[in-house]
C-alpha atoms as a PDB file:
ATOM      1  CA  UNK A   1       0.149   0.068   0.119  1.00  0.00           C
ATOM      2  CA  UNK A   2       1.291   3.160  -0.810  1.00  0.00           C
ATOM      3  CA  UNK A   3       1.412   6.257   1.906  1.00  0.00           C
ATOM      4  CA  UNK A   4      -2.339   6.184   2.580  1.00  0.00           C
ATOM      5  CA  UNK A   5      -3.517   6.290   6.109  1.00  0.00           C
ATOM      6  CA  UNK A   6      -6.541   4.277   7.373  1.00  0.00           C
ATOM      7  CA  UNK A   7      -8.231   7.326   7.727  1.00  0.00           C
ATOM      8  CA  UNK A   8      -7.633   8.661   4.014  1.00  0.00           C
ATOM      9  CA  UNK A   9      -8.695   5.114   2.910  1.00  0.00           C
ATOM     10  CA  UNK A  10     -12.006   5.359   4.737  1.00  0.00           C
ATOM     11  CA  UNK A  11     -12.536   9.027   3.051  1.00  0.00           C
ATOM     12  CA  UNK A  12     -11.648   8.157  -0.023  1.00  0.00           C
ATOM     13  CA  UNK A  13     -13.717   4.873  -0.029  1.00  0.00           C
ATOM     14  CA  UNK A  14     -16.884   7.006   1.223  1.00  0.00           C
ATOM     15  CA  UNK A  15     -16.016   9.690  -1.636  1.00  0.00           C
ATOM     16  CA  UNK A  16     -16.037   7.083  -4.299  1.00  0.00           C
ATOM     17  CA  UNK A  17     -18.984   4.940  -3.064  1.00  0.00           C
ATOM     18  CA  UNK A  18     -20.758   8.426  -2.719  1.00  0.00           C
ATOM     19  CA  UNK A  19     -19.993   9.420  -6.435  1.00  0.00           C
ATOM     20  CA  UNK A  20     -21.668   6.272  -7.253  1.00  0.00           C
ATOM     21  CA  UNK A  21     -24.843   7.562  -6.155  1.00  0.00           C
ATOM     22  CA  UNK A  22     -24.826   5.693  -2.814  1.00  0.00           C
ATOM     23  CA  UNK A  23     -25.752   7.730   0.353  1.00  0.00           C
ATOM     24  CA  UNK A  24     -24.739   6.880   3.640  1.00  0.00           C
ATOM     25  CA  UNK A  25     -28.311   6.274   5.082  1.00  0.00           C
ATOM     26  CA  UNK A  26     -28.025   2.431   4.063  1.00  0.00           C
ATOM     27  CA  UNK A  27     -26.613   0.078   6.705  1.00  0.00           C
ATOM     28  CA  UNK A  28     -24.647  -1.297   3.990  1.00  0.00           C
ATOM     29  CA  UNK A  29     -22.740   1.791   3.208  1.00  0.00           C
ATOM     30  CA  UNK A  30     -20.323   1.574   6.315  1.00  0.00           C
ATOM     31  CA  UNK A  31     -19.915  -1.953   5.925  1.00  0.00           C
ATOM     32  CA  UNK A  32     -18.701  -1.380   2.259  1.00  0.00           C
ATOM     33  CA  UNK A  33     -16.442   1.307   3.556  1.00  0.00           C
ATOM     34  CA  UNK A  34     -15.210  -1.138   6.331  1.00  0.00           C
ATOM     35  CA  UNK A  35     -14.583  -3.954   3.635  1.00  0.00           C
ATOM     36  CA  UNK A  36     -12.603  -1.817   1.274  1.00  0.00           C
ATOM     37  CA  UNK A  37     -10.338  -0.711   4.375  1.00  0.00           C
ATOM     38  CA  UNK A  38      -9.860  -4.312   4.955  1.00  0.00           C
ATOM     39  CA  UNK A  39      -9.033  -5.130   1.300  1.00  0.00           C
ATOM     40  CA  UNK A  40      -6.839  -2.181   0.969  1.00  0.00           C
ATOM     41  CA  UNK A  41      -4.820  -3.346   3.684  1.00  0.00           C
ATOM     42  CA  UNK A  42      -4.869  -6.997   2.579  1.00  0.00           C
ATOM     43  CA  UNK A  43      -5.435  -6.968  -1.180  1.00  0.00           C
ATOM     44  CA  UNK A  44      -5.206 -10.866  -0.995  1.00  0.00           C
ATOM     45  CA  UNK A  45      -8.325 -10.910   0.963  1.00  0.00           C
ATOM     46  CA  UNK A  46     -10.125 -10.210  -2.193  1.00  0.00           C
ATOM     47  CA  UNK A  47      -9.803 -13.681  -3.226  1.00  0.00           C
ATOM     48  CA  UNK A  48     -11.626 -15.063  -0.208  1.00  0.00           C
ATOM     49  CA  UNK A  49     -14.168 -12.449   0.288  1.00  0.00           C
ATOM     50  CA  UNK A  50     -16.708 -14.240   2.175  1.00  0.00           C
ATOM     51  CA  UNK A  51     -14.290 -15.744   4.806  1.00  0.00           C
ATOM     52  CA  UNK A  52     -12.048 -12.831   5.216  1.00  0.00           C
ATOM     53  CA  UNK A  53     -13.793  -9.693   4.278  1.00  0.00           C
ATOM     54  CA  UNK A  54     -17.596 -10.520   5.287  1.00  0.00           C
ATOM     55  CA  UNK A  55     -16.651 -12.309   8.463  1.00  0.00           C
ATOM     56  CA  UNK A  56     -14.336  -9.628   9.358  1.00  0.00           C
ATOM     57  CA  UNK A  57     -16.770  -6.802   9.009  1.00  0.00           C
ATOM     58  CA  UNK A  58     -19.881  -8.717  10.531  1.00  0.00           C
ATOM     59  CA  UNK A  59     -17.530  -9.274  13.770  1.00  0.00           C
ATOM     60  CA  UNK A  60     -16.945  -5.410  13.550  1.00  0.00           C
ATOM     61  CA  UNK A  61     -20.581  -4.649  13.558  1.00  0.00           C
ATOM     62  CA  UNK A  62     -22.086  -7.287  15.267  1.00  0.00           C
ATOM     63  CA  UNK A  63     -24.053  -9.137  12.767  1.00  0.00           C
ATOM     64  CA  UNK A  64     -23.871 -12.273  10.630  1.00  0.00           C
ATOM     65  CA  UNK A  65     -21.771 -12.520   7.421  1.00  0.00           C
ATOM     66  CA  UNK A  66     -24.876 -13.423   5.214  1.00  0.00           C
ATOM     67  CA  UNK A  67     -26.295  -9.870   6.738  1.00  0.00           C
ATOM     68  CA  UNK A  68     -23.012  -8.199   5.616  1.00  0.00           C
ATOM     69  CA  UNK A  69     -23.369 -10.046   2.214  1.00  0.00           C
ATOM     70  CA  UNK A  70     -26.765  -8.904   1.679  1.00  0.00           C
ATOM     71  CA  UNK A  71     -26.177  -5.118   2.846  1.00  0.00           C
ATOM     72  CA  UNK A  72     -23.177  -5.123   0.300  1.00  0.00           C
ATOM     73  CA  UNK A  73     -25.203  -6.402  -2.549  1.00  0.00           C
ATOM     74  CA  UNK A  74     -27.941  -3.670  -1.843  1.00  0.00           C
ATOM     75  CA  UNK A  75     -25.161  -1.254  -2.250  1.00  0.00           C
ATOM     76  CA  UNK A  76     -23.824  -2.618  -5.394  1.00  0.00           C
ATOM     77  CA  UNK A  77     -27.271  -2.778  -6.869  1.00  0.00           C
ATOM     78  CA  UNK A  78     -28.120   1.150  -6.040  1.00  0.00           C
ATOM     79  CA  UNK A  79     -24.520   2.089  -7.402  1.00  0.00           C
ATOM     80  CA  UNK A  80     -25.307   0.225 -10.855  1.00  0.00           C
ATOM     81  CA  UNK A  81     -29.047   1.543 -10.860  1.00  0.00           C
ATOM     82  CA  UNK A  82     -28.204   5.025 -10.042  1.00  0.00           C
ATOM     83  CA  UNK A  83     -24.861   5.739 -11.912  1.00  0.00           C
ATOM     84  CA  UNK A  84     -23.058   3.076 -13.721  1.00  0.00           C
ATOM     85  CA  UNK A  85     -21.145   5.336 -15.651  1.00  0.00           C
ATOM     86  CA  UNK A  86     -19.215   6.266 -12.424  1.00  0.00           C
ATOM     87  CA  UNK A  87     -18.205   2.569 -11.587  1.00  0.00           C
ATOM     88  CA  UNK A  88     -16.826   2.328 -15.120  1.00  0.00           C
ATOM     89  CA  UNK A  89     -14.681   5.451 -14.745  1.00  0.00           C
ATOM     90  CA  UNK A  90     -13.458   4.448 -11.394  1.00  0.00           C
ATOM     91  CA  UNK A  91     -12.863   0.692 -12.763  1.00  0.00           C
ATOM     92  CA  UNK A  92     -11.002   2.260 -15.780  1.00  0.00           C
ATOM     93  CA  UNK A  93     -13.124  -0.282 -18.139  1.00  0.00           C
ATOM     94  CA  UNK A  94     -16.743  -0.741 -19.372  1.00  0.00           C
ATOM     95  CA  UNK A  95     -18.862  -2.738 -17.550  1.00  0.00           C
ATOM     96  CA  UNK A  96     -21.852  -4.128 -19.445  1.00  0.00           C
ATOM     97  CA  UNK A  97     -23.335  -5.872 -16.244  1.00  0.00           C
ATOM     98  CA  UNK A  98     -23.703  -5.053 -12.574  1.00  0.00           C
ATOM     99  CA  UNK A  99     -20.479  -6.133 -11.010  1.00  0.00           C
ATOM    100  CA  UNK A 100     -20.508  -8.605  -8.019  1.00  0.00           C
ATOM    101  CA  UNK A 101     -19.594  -7.407  -4.448  1.00  0.00           C
ATOM    102  CA  UNK A 102     -16.387  -9.174  -5.359  1.00  0.00           C
ATOM    103  CA  UNK A 103     -15.819  -7.171  -8.141  1.00  0.00           C
ATOM    104  CA  UNK A 104     -17.199  -3.852  -6.795  1.00  0.00           C
ATOM    105  CA  UNK A 105     -14.822  -4.232  -3.600  1.00  0.00           C
ATOM    106  CA  UNK A 106     -12.018  -4.999  -6.200  1.00  0.00           C
ATOM    107  CA  UNK A 107     -12.491  -1.786  -8.134  1.00  0.00           C
ATOM    108  CA  UNK A 108     -12.745   0.544  -5.432  1.00  0.00           C
ATOM    109  CA  UNK A 109      -9.728  -1.193  -3.721  1.00  0.00           C
ATOM    110  CA  UNK A 110      -7.614  -1.119  -7.004  1.00  0.00           C
ATOM    111  CA  UNK A 111      -8.388   2.634  -7.625  1.00  0.00           C
ATOM    112  CA  UNK A 112      -7.494   3.386  -4.070  1.00  0.00           C
ATOM    113  CA  UNK A 113      -4.070   1.398  -4.201  1.00  0.00           C
ATOM    114  CA  UNK A 114      -3.236   3.008  -7.638  1.00  0.00           C
ATOM    115  CA  UNK A 115      -4.626   6.391  -7.472  1.00  0.00           C
ATOM    116  CA  UNK A 116      -4.171   7.687  -4.045  1.00  0.00           C
ATOM    117  CA  UNK A 117      -1.263   8.559  -1.688  1.00  0.00           C
END
């Protein structure tokens, strides 16, 4: 990871997710930011999203990994329905279909690792 601090990662993740048309009033918003922070610290976690990211977010928020998965899916759906162009711009390539949660987290994480700091 470059010289970005955890606060900066959180702030940047907030900004990127909001730029996709998602507002912070959704439970999954903060959980998505948390998931991105985990992925930025440990990009290998993106290969085991359910076991490493959902579980860690669930533990932090005192909920189940299934609830985290559902909440993050909701965030991705809202982002895709509201501003798919923004997701494509962050990704750096065209997306023809809604990304999965894993893909969305990878897109945001990759952007933060390579475009900040």
